[in-house]
Amino acid sequence: MRIERIGTDGNLDRAVALLRELDGRVDAFGMGGIDLYLVAGDRRYVIRDARRLAAAPRRTPIVDGSGLKNTLERRVVQYLAGEAGLLRPGMKVLLVSGVDRFGMGEALVEAGAEVIFGDFIFALGLPFPIRTLRTLKILAAILLPILSQLPFTLLYPTGSRQESTKPRYPQYYQWADVIAGDFHFIKKYMPPRLEGKIILTNTVTAEDVEELRRRGVSYLVTTTPELHGRSFGTNVMEAVLVALSGKAPSQLTVEDYHYWLDRLGFAPRIEKLA
C-alpha cells in the first residue's frame, strides 16, 4: 500500500482541484487538516468548507477520520486506563476540542477522569472551560449550526499557521495531568514548559517529538501507530481501512472498524520522553 500526504497550504480551491485530478486514480482519500463533521452526542454538524472538499471526488471515497475517532480512540483510552496504567480515576485531562473528539471525551469521562473541554478556549479564544459532556452537547446544539458555516480558518489553524506556537491560557495546560486532542491545537497554544505531562494525540513528526521532549513532557501517546518516523492522522488511517475493506465509508460498521484494527494489529504508540 502506498500512502502519500499532499498539502495545499490551507488553500481550499487547490485542494478541490487536486481531489478532482486524482479522483478514480487512488483507492481512498483522507481529508486532512479539516473535519467534515463536528460531533456532540448523537448529533453531527457538517462544516461548510469541508462539504466542498467532500463533494469534489465522484468515484474515489473520501473520509475525514470521524469513524475511526469513534472506535480507535475509545479503545486507546480504555487501554491507557487498563493494561497500560497511565490513566487513573481522578486524573485531570484537558481535551482541547470536545466536538472534534467526542468519542475520546466520552471514554475519558467513563474512565473516571476530570475533564475540561477547551472548545471555547482554543477555537473561540474565550476563557470559559466546559466541564461536563452535557454542557458540551447543549452548547454544541446552540452554536454549531452557526459556527459550522464560518470559514474554517477562523476556527482552526491551517496551512503555515500550524507551524507557529503562541501560548494561550497556559493555566489550563498546567492544571492538566493529560493534554489530549488534535496536535495542531495543542502545539499552537502550548506554553514553554510541560513538565510531567502526558500528551495524548496523533499527527506528530519526529521534530514534534523532540520539541515535546525539550518542554519536559513525560509521555507521548499517539492513537495511530508510528510509520516512517511520524504518526498519521485518523483521516489517513481511516482511508487505509476503507481501501483494504473495499467497502464504501457509509457501509463500514463499528464492528468492521474493530475487525480491521485487530487484523492490522493497531496499537497506540507510547513513548517515554522524560
Protein backbone atom coordinates (compact mmCIF):
# COMPACT_ATOMS: atom_id res chain seq x y z
CA MET A 1 0.00 0.00 0.00
CA ARG A 2 1.23 3.48 -0.85
CA ILE A 3 0.29 6.32 1.49
CA GLU A 4 1.03 9.84 0.31
CA ARG A 5 0.40 13.11 2.11
CA ILE A 6 -0.06 16.14 -0.16
CA GLY A 7 -0.69 19.62 1.24
CA THR A 8 -2.13 22.79 -0.30
CA ASP A 9 -1.13 25.22 2.49
CA GLY A 10 -4.76 25.63 3.55
CA ASN A 11 -5.94 26.63 0.05
CA LEU A 12 -9.39 25.07 -0.46
CA ASP A 13 -9.56 25.80 -4.18
CA ARG A 14 -6.26 24.00 -4.79
CA ALA A 15 -7.43 21.11 -2.63
CA VAL A 16 -10.67 20.75 -4.62
CA ALA A 17 -8.69 20.82 -7.89
CA LEU A 18 -6.30 18.16 -6.58
CA LEU A 19 -9.13 15.87 -5.45
CA ARG A 20 -10.74 16.11 -8.87
CA GLU A 21 -7.44 15.42 -10.60
CA LEU A 22 -6.78 12.27 -8.55
CA ASP A 23 -10.41 11.08 -8.50
CA GLY A 24 -10.57 7.48 -9.69
CA ARG A 25 -6.77 7.14 -9.67
CA VAL A 26 -6.47 6.29 -5.96
CA ASP A 27 -8.43 3.89 -3.74
CA ALA A 28 -9.34 6.35 -0.96
CA PHE A 29 -8.84 9.95 0.12
CA GLY A 30 -8.22 11.07 3.69
CA MET A 31 -9.43 14.65 4.23
CA GLY A 32 -6.64 16.19 6.32
CA GLY A 33 -6.46 19.50 8.14
CA ILE A 34 -10.26 19.83 8.30
CA ASP A 35 -13.17 17.80 9.67
CA LEU A 36 -16.29 17.09 7.68
CA TYR A 37 -18.28 16.67 10.88
CA LEU A 38 -18.20 18.08 14.37
CA VAL A 39 -19.89 15.69 16.79
CA ALA A 40 -21.70 16.10 20.10
CA GLY A 41 -23.61 13.08 21.37
CA ASP A 42 -25.68 11.56 18.58
CA ARG A 43 -25.75 14.75 16.51
CA ARG A 44 -23.32 15.64 13.72
CA TYR A 45 -22.79 19.10 12.27
CA VAL A 46 -21.37 19.47 8.77
CA ILE A 47 -18.65 22.11 8.24
CA ARG A 48 -19.49 24.16 5.16
CA ASP A 49 -15.92 24.40 3.82
CA ALA A 50 -15.40 20.66 4.27
CA ARG A 51 -18.57 19.92 2.30
CA ARG A 52 -16.86 21.46 -0.76
CA LEU A 53 -13.97 19.03 -0.41
CA ALA A 54 -16.22 16.03 0.19
CA ALA A 55 -18.22 16.82 -2.95
CA ALA A 56 -15.16 17.10 -5.24
CA PRO A 57 -14.40 13.41 -5.96
CA ARG A 58 -17.09 11.45 -7.81
CA ARG A 59 -15.55 7.95 -7.86
CA THR A 60 -13.00 7.69 -5.05
CA PRO A 61 -14.38 7.55 -1.47
CA ILE A 62 -13.26 10.33 0.88
CA VAL A 63 -13.19 10.20 4.70
CA ASP A 64 -12.27 12.66 7.45
CA GLY A 65 -11.34 10.24 10.24
CA SER A 66 -14.52 10.66 12.29
CA GLY A 67 -15.41 6.95 12.03
CA LEU A 68 -12.02 5.93 13.33
CA LYS A 69 -12.03 8.53 16.08
CA ASN A 70 -15.22 6.98 17.43
CA THR A 71 -13.69 3.49 17.58
CA LEU A 72 -9.89 3.55 17.74
CA GLU A 73 -9.63 6.49 20.13
CA ARG A 74 -12.12 4.97 22.55
CA ARG A 75 -10.05 1.76 22.52
CA VAL A 76 -6.86 3.70 23.21
CA VAL A 77 -8.35 5.46 26.24
CA GLN A 78 -9.60 2.11 27.57
CA TYR A 79 -6.13 0.63 27.05
CA LEU A 80 -4.45 3.52 28.88
CA ALA A 81 -6.90 3.17 31.77
CA GLY A 82 -6.44 -0.60 31.89
CA GLU A 83 -3.38 -2.51 30.75
CA ALA A 84 -1.04 0.48 30.35
CA GLY A 85 -1.94 2.03 33.71
CA LEU A 86 -1.24 5.59 32.53
CA LEU A 87 -4.77 6.92 33.05
CA ARG A 88 -6.17 6.64 36.56
CA PRO A 89 -9.51 7.77 38.04
CA GLY A 90 -9.35 11.38 39.18
CA MET A 91 -6.60 12.43 36.77
CA LYS A 92 -7.11 15.86 35.20
CA VAL A 93 -7.44 15.93 31.42
CA LEU A 94 -7.53 18.92 29.08
CA LEU A 95 -9.23 17.87 25.83
CA VAL A 96 -8.54 20.84 23.56
CA SER A 97 -11.71 20.28 21.50
CA GLY A 98 -14.55 18.02 22.55
CA VAL A 99 -16.63 18.33 19.38
CA ASP A 100 -13.59 17.23 17.37
CA ARG A 101 -13.17 14.10 19.51
CA PHE A 102 -16.43 13.42 21.29
CA GLY A 103 -15.78 9.66 21.43
CA MET A 104 -12.47 10.26 23.18
CA GLY A 105 -14.19 12.67 25.57
CA GLU A 106 -16.83 10.11 26.49
CA ALA A 107 -14.19 7.44 27.05
CA LEU A 108 -12.15 9.76 29.30
CA VAL A 109 -15.20 10.55 31.43
CA GLU A 110 -16.10 6.85 31.62
CA ALA A 111 -12.54 6.14 32.82
CA GLY A 112 -13.12 8.48 35.76
CA ALA A 113 -11.04 11.43 34.57
CA GLU A 114 -11.85 15.03 35.45
CA VAL A 115 -12.10 16.63 32.01
CA ILE A 116 -12.03 20.21 30.79
CA PHE A 117 -13.23 20.60 27.20
CA GLY A 118 -11.33 23.51 25.64
CA ASP A 119 -13.64 24.30 22.70
CA PHE A 120 -14.38 27.86 23.81
CA ILE A 121 -10.81 28.45 24.97
CA PHE A 122 -8.87 27.37 21.89
CA ALA A 123 -11.34 27.60 18.99
CA LEU A 124 -13.02 30.86 20.03
CA GLY A 125 -10.42 32.44 22.33
CA LEU A 126 -12.86 32.73 25.25
CA PRO A 127 -11.69 31.76 28.76
CA PHE A 128 -14.70 29.53 29.54
CA PRO A 129 -13.82 25.90 30.35
CA ILE A 130 -16.56 23.34 29.72
CA ARG A 131 -16.57 20.71 32.45
CA THR A 132 -19.32 18.22 31.52
CA LEU A 133 -20.40 16.32 28.43
CA ARG A 134 -23.96 17.52 28.99
CA THR A 135 -22.89 21.17 28.86
CA LEU A 136 -20.83 20.48 25.75
CA LYS A 137 -23.84 18.91 23.97
CA ILE A 138 -26.14 21.80 24.92
CA LEU A 139 -23.69 24.46 23.75
CA ALA A 140 -22.97 22.49 20.57
CA ALA A 141 -26.68 22.33 19.71
CA ILE A 142 -26.92 26.12 20.12
CA LEU A 143 -23.68 27.26 18.48
CA LEU A 144 -22.51 24.67 15.95
CA PRO A 145 -25.29 25.30 13.40
CA ILE A 146 -23.85 28.83 13.18
CA LEU A 147 -20.13 28.18 13.69
CA SER A 148 -20.05 25.37 11.13
CA GLN A 149 -20.99 27.90 8.44
CA LEU A 150 -17.99 30.16 9.15
CA PRO A 151 -14.74 29.92 7.17
CA PHE A 152 -12.82 27.04 8.74
CA THR A 153 -9.69 29.18 9.07
CA LEU A 154 -11.47 31.15 11.82
CA LEU A 155 -11.86 28.01 13.94
CA TYR A 156 -8.68 26.04 13.33
CA PRO A 157 -5.05 26.73 12.33
CA THR A 158 -4.49 25.81 8.69
CA GLY A 159 -1.53 25.96 6.32
CA SER A 160 1.57 27.75 7.63
CA ARG A 161 -0.33 28.86 10.76
CA GLN A 162 0.09 25.29 12.04
CA GLU A 163 3.83 25.83 12.39
CA SER A 164 3.71 28.77 14.81
CA THR A 165 3.28 28.50 18.58
CA LYS A 166 1.66 31.24 20.63
CA PRO A 167 0.78 30.31 24.23
CA ARG A 168 -2.89 30.89 25.09
CA TYR A 169 -4.40 30.38 28.54
CA PRO A 170 -1.42 28.33 29.83
CA GLN A 171 -3.14 27.80 33.19
CA TYR A 172 -5.30 25.06 31.64
CA TYR A 173 -2.24 23.23 30.32
CA GLN A 174 -0.61 23.48 33.74
CA TRP A 175 -3.79 22.29 35.50
CA ALA A 176 -3.91 19.08 33.49
CA ASP A 177 -2.11 15.79 34.02
CA VAL A 178 -3.02 14.75 30.47
CA ILE A 179 -3.35 17.05 27.44
CA ALA A 180 -5.40 15.38 24.73
CA GLY A 181 -6.77 16.02 21.26
CA ASP A 182 -5.68 17.39 17.90
CA PHE A 183 -1.93 18.06 17.93
CA HIS A 184 -2.12 21.23 15.83
CA PHE A 185 -4.37 22.77 18.51
CA ILE A 186 -2.12 21.51 21.31
CA LYS A 187 1.05 22.73 19.61
CA LYS A 188 -0.24 26.15 18.59
CA TYR A 189 -1.16 27.24 22.11
CA MET A 190 1.13 25.22 24.41
CA PRO A 191 3.32 27.00 26.97
CA PRO A 192 7.14 26.73 27.01
CA ARG A 193 7.25 24.14 29.83
CA LEU A 194 5.13 20.99 30.18
CA GLU A 195 6.97 19.07 32.89
CA GLY A 196 5.48 15.71 33.73
CA LYS A 197 2.56 15.97 31.31
CA ILE A 198 1.16 13.13 29.21
CA ILE A 199 0.26 14.12 25.64
CA LEU A 200 -2.49 12.02 24.01
CA THR A 201 -2.75 12.93 20.34
CA ASN A 202 -1.71 11.96 16.80
CA THR A 203 -0.24 13.52 13.62
CA VAL A 204 3.19 14.15 15.13
CA THR A 205 6.53 14.22 13.33
CA ALA A 206 9.98 13.36 14.67
CA GLU A 207 10.60 17.11 15.11
CA ASP A 208 7.39 17.41 17.17
CA VAL A 209 8.54 14.60 19.44
CA GLU A 210 11.85 16.33 20.11
CA GLU A 211 10.06 19.61 20.82
CA LEU A 212 7.81 17.90 23.38
CA ARG A 213 10.90 16.30 24.94
CA ARG A 214 12.57 19.72 25.30
CA ARG A 215 9.45 21.08 27.01
CA GLY A 216 9.58 18.34 29.65
CA VAL A 217 6.69 16.11 28.53
CA SER A 218 6.73 12.80 30.38
CA TYR A 219 4.90 10.51 27.93
CA LEU A 220 3.71 10.83 24.36
CA VAL A 221 0.79 8.61 23.35
CA THR A 222 -0.39 8.61 19.74
CA THR A 223 -3.64 6.87 18.87
CA THR A 224 -2.26 5.81 15.48
CA PRO A 225 0.96 3.80 15.12
CA GLU A 226 4.29 5.26 14.05
CA LEU A 227 5.05 4.85 10.33
CA HIS A 228 8.41 6.01 9.00
CA GLY A 229 9.02 8.44 11.86
CA ARG A 230 5.58 10.02 12.13
CA SER A 231 2.06 9.16 13.23
CA PHE A 232 -0.55 9.97 10.63
CA GLY A 233 -3.96 11.50 11.27
CA THR A 234 -7.08 9.40 11.75
CA ASN A 235 -8.24 10.53 8.31
CA VAL A 236 -5.28 8.74 6.69
CA MET A 237 -5.72 5.58 8.73
CA GLU A 238 -9.47 5.54 8.05
CA ALA A 239 -8.72 5.85 4.33
CA VAL A 240 -6.39 2.83 4.70
CA LEU A 241 -9.20 0.79 6.25
CA VAL A 242 -11.65 1.86 3.53
CA ALA A 243 -9.17 0.85 0.83
CA LEU A 244 -8.50 -2.53 2.45
CA SER A 245 -12.15 -3.34 3.12
CA GLY A 246 -13.34 -2.48 -0.37
CA LYS A 247 -16.49 -1.01 1.17
CA ALA A 248 -17.92 2.47 0.87
CA PRO A 249 -17.40 4.51 4.06
CA SER A 250 -21.17 4.54 4.70
CA GLN A 251 -21.14 0.72 4.70
CA LEU A 252 -18.47 0.37 7.39
CA THR A 253 -19.93 -0.55 10.76
CA VAL A 254 -18.33 -0.24 14.19
CA GLU A 255 -17.71 -3.99 14.01
CA ASP A 256 -15.91 -3.54 10.66
CA TYR A 257 -13.59 -0.94 12.18
CA HIS A 258 -12.78 -3.21 15.11
CA TYR A 259 -12.20 -6.16 12.76
CA TRP A 260 -9.65 -4.27 10.65
CA LEU A 261 -7.99 -2.66 13.67
CA ASP A 262 -7.49 -6.12 15.18
CA ARG A 263 -6.37 -7.67 11.89
CA LEU A 264 -3.78 -4.93 11.33
CA GLY A 265 -2.65 -5.11 14.95
CA PHE A 266 -3.16 -1.38 15.51
CA ALA A 267 -1.77 -0.44 18.90
CA PRO A 268 -1.14 3.01 20.38
CA ARG A 269 2.40 4.33 20.35
CA ILE A 270 3.54 5.01 23.92
CA GLU A 271 6.88 6.75 24.19
CA LYS A 272 8.52 7.88 27.43
CA LEU A 273 10.15 11.25 26.79
CA ALA A 274 11.33 12.42 30.20
